[in-house]
Amino acid sequence: MSELERLAEISRETIILVTKSKPVKPSTLRALTVSMDEYDKRKLVRHDPFHADTIKELPDLKELRGLLNPKKERKHVALLNKRIARLEKMVCLGARA
């Protein structure tokens, strides 16, 4: 059973019909597209757990980093540094546009 079959809970024959541009029920096609969208969202979250960070959060993240003890909480500080650098890069790119 393929991953797409499991996600959409649609039979293999139906998936083959869709890939060959054959007619299928609209509800079946909708179920397939919804499940693929959900899969893409889960994949994005797994790849980048902080994809939802916004520029508004930048001052709060900097303040939080300032409150942490750099020697005791190295991992947290490093993670915050990555998030801050990513948001600062977004600010720089936004200023150029």
N, C-alpha and C. Protein backbone atom coordinates (compact mmCIF):
# COMPACT_ATOMS: atom_id res chain seq x y z
N MET A 1 0.84 -1.17 0.00
CA MET A 1 0.00 0.00 0.00
C MET A 1 0.89 1.24 0.00
N SER A 2 0.65 2.15 -0.91
CA SER A 2 1.48 3.34 -1.01
C SER A 2 1.07 4.36 0.05
N GLU A 3 1.94 5.33 0.26
CA GLU A 3 1.68 6.36 1.26
C GLU A 3 0.45 7.18 0.88
N LEU A 4 0.30 7.45 -0.41
CA LEU A 4 -0.85 8.21 -0.88
C LEU A 4 -2.16 7.45 -0.63
N GLU A 5 -2.15 6.17 -0.82
CA GLU A 5 -3.33 5.36 -0.55
C GLU A 5 -3.71 5.44 0.93
N ARG A 6 -2.72 5.38 1.80
CA ARG A 6 -2.98 5.45 3.23
C ARG A 6 -3.49 6.82 3.64
N LEU A 7 -2.88 7.88 3.10
CA LEU A 7 -3.27 9.23 3.47
C LEU A 7 -4.70 9.55 3.04
N ALA A 8 -5.01 9.26 1.80
CA ALA A 8 -6.31 9.63 1.25
C ALA A 8 -7.36 8.56 1.48
N GLU A 9 -6.93 7.37 1.89
CA GLU A 9 -7.84 6.24 2.06
C GLU A 9 -8.63 5.98 0.77
N ILE A 10 -7.91 5.99 -0.33
CA ILE A 10 -8.48 5.77 -1.66
C ILE A 10 -7.77 4.57 -2.27
N SER A 11 -8.51 3.80 -3.04
CA SER A 11 -7.94 2.59 -3.62
C SER A 11 -6.89 2.92 -4.68
N ARG A 12 -6.06 1.95 -4.94
CA ARG A 12 -5.00 2.10 -5.94
C ARG A 12 -5.58 2.37 -7.33
N GLU A 13 -6.67 1.67 -7.66
CA GLU A 13 -7.29 1.84 -8.98
C GLU A 13 -7.78 3.28 -9.18
N THR A 14 -8.33 3.87 -8.13
CA THR A 14 -8.81 5.25 -8.22
C THR A 14 -7.65 6.21 -8.41
N ILE A 15 -6.57 5.97 -7.71
CA ILE A 15 -5.38 6.83 -7.87
C ILE A 15 -4.84 6.73 -9.29
N ILE A 16 -4.85 5.55 -9.83
CA ILE A 16 -4.40 5.36 -11.22
C ILE A 16 -5.31 6.14 -12.17
N LEU A 17 -6.62 6.11 -11.93
CA LEU A 17 -7.55 6.87 -12.76
C LEU A 17 -7.25 8.37 -12.70
N VAL A 18 -6.97 8.86 -11.51
CA VAL A 18 -6.67 10.29 -11.36
C VAL A 18 -5.38 10.65 -12.09
N THR A 19 -4.35 9.82 -11.97
CA THR A 19 -3.08 10.14 -12.62
C THR A 19 -3.17 10.07 -14.14
N LYS A 20 -4.11 9.31 -14.65
CA LYS A 20 -4.29 9.21 -16.11
C LYS A 20 -5.38 10.15 -16.62
N SER A 21 -5.81 11.10 -15.77
CA SER A 21 -6.81 12.11 -16.13
C SER A 21 -8.15 11.51 -16.54
N LYS A 22 -8.51 10.41 -15.93
CA LYS A 22 -9.81 9.79 -16.17
C LYS A 22 -10.82 10.39 -15.18
N PRO A 23 -12.11 10.35 -15.51
CA PRO A 23 -13.10 10.95 -14.61
C PRO A 23 -13.27 10.15 -13.31
N VAL A 24 -13.35 10.90 -12.22
CA VAL A 24 -13.65 10.33 -10.90
C VAL A 24 -14.65 11.25 -10.22
N LYS A 25 -15.25 10.78 -9.14
CA LYS A 25 -16.21 11.59 -8.42
C LYS A 25 -15.52 12.82 -7.83
N PRO A 26 -16.20 13.97 -7.83
CA PRO A 26 -15.61 15.17 -7.24
C PRO A 26 -15.22 14.99 -5.77
N SER A 27 -16.02 14.24 -5.03
CA SER A 27 -15.69 14.03 -3.61
C SER A 27 -14.40 13.25 -3.44
N THR A 28 -14.16 12.31 -4.36
CA THR A 28 -12.93 11.53 -4.31
C THR A 28 -11.73 12.42 -4.61
N LEU A 29 -11.87 13.26 -5.61
CA LEU A 29 -10.79 14.18 -5.98
C LEU A 29 -10.51 15.16 -4.85
N ARG A 30 -11.57 15.64 -4.21
CA ARG A 30 -11.40 16.57 -3.09
C ARG A 30 -10.68 15.87 -1.93
N ALA A 31 -11.06 14.66 -1.62
CA ALA A 31 -10.40 13.92 -0.54
C ALA A 31 -8.92 13.74 -0.84
N LEU A 32 -8.60 13.50 -2.07
CA LEU A 32 -7.21 13.31 -2.47
C LEU A 32 -6.42 14.61 -2.32
N THR A 33 -6.98 15.73 -2.78
CA THR A 33 -6.27 17.01 -2.69
C THR A 33 -6.13 17.47 -1.24
N VAL A 34 -7.16 17.27 -0.44
CA VAL A 34 -7.08 17.66 0.97
C VAL A 34 -6.00 16.85 1.69
N SER A 35 -5.95 15.57 1.44
CA SER A 35 -4.95 14.74 2.11
C SER A 35 -3.54 15.10 1.66
N MET A 36 -3.38 15.46 0.40
CA MET A 36 -2.06 15.87 -0.08
C MET A 36 -1.64 17.20 0.54
N ASP A 37 -2.59 18.14 0.70
CA ASP A 37 -2.28 19.41 1.35
C ASP A 37 -1.86 19.20 2.80
N GLU A 38 -2.59 18.34 3.51
CA GLU A 38 -2.23 18.04 4.89
C GLU A 38 -0.85 17.40 4.98
N TYR A 39 -0.55 16.53 4.05
CA TYR A 39 0.77 15.89 4.02
C TYR A 39 1.86 16.94 3.81
N ASP A 40 1.64 17.88 2.89
CA ASP A 40 2.63 18.93 2.64
C ASP A 40 2.84 19.79 3.89
N LYS A 41 1.76 20.09 4.61
CA LYS A 41 1.88 20.89 5.83
C LYS A 41 2.68 20.15 6.89
N ARG A 42 2.39 18.86 7.06
CA ARG A 42 3.14 18.06 8.05
C ARG A 42 4.60 17.96 7.68
N LYS A 43 4.87 17.84 6.38
CA LYS A 43 6.25 17.75 5.90
C LYS A 43 7.00 19.05 6.19
N LEU A 44 6.31 20.19 5.99
CA LEU A 44 6.93 21.48 6.26
C LEU A 44 7.23 21.64 7.75
N VAL A 45 6.31 21.24 8.60
CA VAL A 45 6.52 21.35 10.04
C VAL A 45 7.67 20.47 10.48
N ARG A 46 7.77 19.26 9.91
CA ARG A 46 8.88 18.37 10.26
C ARG A 46 10.20 18.97 9.80
N HIS A 47 10.21 19.58 8.63
CA HIS A 47 11.44 20.14 8.06
C HIS A 47 11.84 21.43 8.77
N ASP A 48 10.86 22.31 9.05
CA ASP A 48 11.13 23.60 9.65
C ASP A 48 10.09 23.87 10.74
N PRO A 49 10.36 23.48 11.98
CA PRO A 49 9.36 23.65 13.02
C PRO A 49 9.03 25.10 13.34
N PHE A 50 9.86 26.04 12.92
CA PHE A 50 9.62 27.45 13.23
C PHE A 50 9.21 28.24 11.98
N HIS A 51 8.57 27.58 11.03
CA HIS A 51 8.16 28.26 9.81
C HIS A 51 7.11 29.32 10.07
N ALA A 52 6.43 29.26 11.20
CA ALA A 52 5.37 30.21 11.51
C ALA A 52 5.88 31.45 12.26
N ASP A 53 7.19 31.53 12.52
CA ASP A 53 7.73 32.71 13.20
C ASP A 53 7.47 33.95 12.37
N THR A 54 7.13 35.04 13.05
CA THR A 54 6.90 36.30 12.35
C THR A 54 7.90 37.34 12.83
N ILE A 55 8.02 38.40 12.07
CA ILE A 55 8.96 39.46 12.39
C ILE A 55 8.58 40.14 13.71
N LYS A 56 7.30 40.13 14.05
CA LYS A 56 6.84 40.74 15.31
C LYS A 56 7.44 40.05 16.52
N GLU A 57 7.81 38.79 16.39
CA GLU A 57 8.36 38.03 17.51
C GLU A 57 9.84 38.27 17.74
N LEU A 58 10.49 38.98 16.83
CA LEU A 58 11.94 39.18 16.91
C LEU A 58 12.37 39.84 18.23
N PRO A 59 11.75 40.94 18.66
CA PRO A 59 12.19 41.54 19.94
C PRO A 59 12.00 40.60 21.13
N ASP A 60 10.91 39.85 21.14
CA ASP A 60 10.67 38.91 22.24
C ASP A 60 11.73 37.81 22.27
N LEU A 61 12.11 37.32 21.10
CA LEU A 61 13.13 36.27 21.04
C LEU A 61 14.48 36.81 21.52
N LYS A 62 14.80 38.04 21.15
CA LYS A 62 16.05 38.64 21.61
C LYS A 62 16.05 38.83 23.12
N GLU A 63 14.91 39.24 23.66
CA GLU A 63 14.80 39.41 25.11
C GLU A 63 14.94 38.08 25.83
N LEU A 64 14.30 37.06 25.30
CA LEU A 64 14.40 35.73 25.89
C LEU A 64 15.84 35.22 25.86
N ARG A 65 16.52 35.46 24.75
CA ARG A 65 17.92 35.04 24.65
C ARG A 65 18.77 35.75 25.70
N GLY A 66 18.47 37.02 25.96
CA GLY A 66 19.21 37.79 26.96
C GLY A 66 18.99 37.28 28.38
N LEU A 67 17.83 36.67 28.62
CA LEU A 67 17.53 36.17 29.96
C LEU A 67 18.18 34.82 30.25
N LEU A 68 18.53 34.08 29.22
CA LEU A 68 19.10 32.74 29.41
C LEU A 68 20.58 32.82 29.78
N ASN A 69 21.02 31.87 30.55
CA ASN A 69 22.43 31.76 30.93
C ASN A 69 23.15 31.03 29.79
N PRO A 70 24.07 31.72 29.09
CA PRO A 70 24.72 31.11 27.92
C PRO A 70 25.51 29.84 28.23
N LYS A 71 26.05 29.72 29.44
CA LYS A 71 26.84 28.53 29.76
C LYS A 71 25.97 27.34 30.10
N LYS A 72 24.90 27.57 30.86
CA LYS A 72 24.05 26.48 31.29
C LYS A 72 23.05 26.03 30.23
N GLU A 73 22.62 26.96 29.40
CA GLU A 73 21.57 26.65 28.43
C GLU A 73 22.05 26.91 27.00
N ARG A 74 23.18 26.30 26.67
CA ARG A 74 23.78 26.49 25.35
C ARG A 74 22.87 26.09 24.21
N LYS A 75 22.18 24.97 24.37
CA LYS A 75 21.32 24.47 23.29
C LYS A 75 20.17 25.44 23.00
N HIS A 76 19.57 25.95 24.07
CA HIS A 76 18.46 26.89 23.89
C HIS A 76 18.93 28.20 23.27
N VAL A 77 20.07 28.67 23.70
CA VAL A 77 20.63 29.91 23.15
C VAL A 77 20.97 29.72 21.67
N ALA A 78 21.55 28.59 21.33
CA ALA A 78 21.88 28.32 19.93
C ALA A 78 20.62 28.26 19.07
N LEU A 79 19.59 27.64 19.58
CA LEU A 79 18.33 27.55 18.85
C LEU A 79 17.72 28.94 18.66
N LEU A 80 17.74 29.74 19.71
CA LEU A 80 17.22 31.11 19.59
C LEU A 80 18.06 31.92 18.61
N ASN A 81 19.39 31.73 18.62
CA ASN A 81 20.24 32.44 17.67
C ASN A 81 19.87 32.11 16.23
N LYS A 82 19.57 30.84 15.96
CA LYS A 82 19.16 30.45 14.62
C LYS A 82 17.85 31.10 14.22
N ARG A 83 16.90 31.09 15.15
CA ARG A 83 15.60 31.69 14.86
C ARG A 83 15.73 33.20 14.64
N ILE A 84 16.54 33.85 15.47
CA ILE A 84 16.74 35.30 15.35
C ILE A 84 17.43 35.62 14.03
N ALA A 85 18.45 34.86 13.69
CA ALA A 85 19.17 35.10 12.43
C ALA A 85 18.23 34.94 11.24
N ARG A 86 17.37 33.93 11.29
CA ARG A 86 16.42 33.70 10.20
C ARG A 86 15.45 34.87 10.07
N LEU A 87 14.95 35.37 11.21
CA LEU A 87 14.02 36.50 11.16
C LEU A 87 14.71 37.78 10.72
N GLU A 88 15.95 37.99 11.16
CA GLU A 88 16.69 39.18 10.72
C GLU A 88 16.96 39.14 9.23
N LYS A 89 17.20 37.96 8.73
CA LYS A 89 17.39 37.80 7.27
C LYS A 89 16.10 38.17 6.53
N MET A 90 14.96 37.77 7.11
CA MET A 90 13.67 38.13 6.50
C MET A 90 13.48 39.64 6.50
N VAL A 91 13.89 40.31 7.59
CA VAL A 91 13.77 41.76 7.68
C VAL A 91 14.62 42.43 6.62
N CYS A 92 15.86 41.94 6.45
CA CYS A 92 16.77 42.50 5.45
C CYS A 92 16.21 42.31 4.04
N LEU A 93 15.69 41.15 3.75
CA LEU A 93 15.11 40.89 2.44
C LEU A 93 13.88 41.74 2.20
N GLY A 94 13.11 41.99 3.26
CA GLY A 94 11.91 42.82 3.14
C GLY A 94 12.27 44.28 2.91
N ALA A 95 13.39 44.73 3.47
CA ALA A 95 13.82 46.12 3.30
C ALA A 95 14.31 46.37 1.88
N ARG A 96 14.86 45.36 1.25
CA ARG A 96 15.37 45.49 -0.14
C ARG A 96 14.24 45.59 -1.15
N ALA A 97 13.12 44.93 -0.85
CA ALA A 97 12.02 44.88 -1.81
C ALA A 97 11.30 46.19 -1.96
